[in-house]
Amino acid sequence: MSGVTFFGFELPPIPPRPSTAEAEHYYHGLPSKPRLTARTGPPWYPPSGPEPYFRNKELGIPGQHRLLSGLWEDNLAFKVHNILEHDQVDWSSTDIVRIVHGNEPASDGYLVLWIGVWGRHTHLSYEVGTKVVVQCRQLLFEHGIIDVEVKLRKSNIIQMVCPRLLKPTDIIDPTAILHKPFTTSLGITICAEDTPWAEGTAGFFIAVDSLDKLYLVTTRHVLFPRAQGKHFEHTTKSQPRRNFLVLSEASFQEHLLLIKRETEDQVTIIASQQSRIAGVAGQDDTISQKICEDAELEKRKAVQRAQSLTTFHQELSERCTHKTLRSSKSLKLDDFPGNCIDLGNKYTSAELTRKMRSNPENPHKFTWPGNRLLRLKLPGDSGSVVVDGLGRIGGILTAGSGITDSADVTCVTPIHFIMKAIHQFGPLANPYIKNALPA
């Protein structure tokens, strides 16, 4: 293919068949470590030198490009799909991504038409894979896109799938973080009662002016993993209900174990602080007094946490018998604090703020909420929920692509599409997203 001219542009040569090393390590550093099948682009060379190592690759920011300004969504994606179907490729996904090395800015690197091929028992030959990437590259050239490479890799699609729920509590509550799976904060784990193996995430709540109820929006396959597109609507009381649970039984028992372990950790902390106090006993210098005061304070906190956690564990154990706590019930508007995300304790306020402002060219106006509950708002101007740092909803996470359970690319259904579909359903013709009350 070297030197071939196509629509006024010279197509670059097609690389030879990937070696075993290239196929295995071309995407070194990506979460699922997908295997390369075929590609366009410059030759690949293994690392060399006295201490060779593979450089990590990451997915960067796609940025502005003519391909992403409407051309891809308008018709180019369908033409790519037609090529794949014509060549009988068992494809799983098509994405436009930017791939960069780990030490490069996220806006560097090169844009790629990234095609996923199912990693199951079917085998895609190098000949067919090469034919596909050439045809796709030619299609891009036809539309004047000469700076985007085409690459195939093995990648599966992974569908990310009580009395009334508790209200989120302030971080001052020793059980605040462990309360999270049982609260109305977004991101709680749910499943259908008859398919507990298919757990997913609650999206967000909507309300209707004429109805004193809240409705939970999530991805269909979380509650209907076996439905395969069948329509379900509960219209009469005689019709069987489709119940869902907050946490499957296995996840619930695992959470009880986490509470128990956290309680045991507090016992360890109490013993540790007691040792600090004993270590300075009888010493009246200033440093020893400060150590003693600090240890007494930390000991009191640990005792309080242990007591609160013990009570919480007992309440959950008793009230969740036969799923009474976790079976779904209508939530009343008056009891609902509004859609909000509990930012938890994985990151400190400083760490998360720094991550949100990682791009100096487009710094985000994120401010850590004092009670760690990020209030949600309507998007822009107009299965888990996707929001920006200002709490604006972008959509719901529906799937991810990767060769293992770690996804390289996640897929989101836009909020405007979701709300449009809900508007078309008679009883919910005028829903609105229930915003959180001011902090």
Foldseek 3Di string as FASTA:
>chain_A
DAQDAAPNRGFHDFDDFDDPCCQQPVQAAFPQSWGFQGKGDDDDDAFDDPDGDRFHKAWADLDDDPCPPCVCVVPLVVVLVVLCVVLPFQWADWDWIFMDTPVDHRHDGFIEGEIEGAPPDDDDHSVSQHVSQVVSQSSCVVVVNNGYMYTYTHKHKFFAAAVQAADQDFPVQLCRQLSVLRHQEFFFWKAWQVCLVTIFTWAAWKDDPVDQWIDTDADPCRQCVPCVPDDDDDDDPVDDDTKMWRHDPVRLVVSLVVLVVLLVVLVVLLVVLVVLLVVLPPPDDPVSVVSNVVSVVSNVVSVSSNVSSVVVSVCCVVRCVVHNYTIDDTDGPVNDQFHWHQQHVPDDQVRVQCVQQVDVVDGDPADQDPRSIQKADDADPPSYWDDHRNRHTQFHWTIAMHNDPRGSGTDGDGPVVVVVVQCVDVVRVDMDGTIGDDD
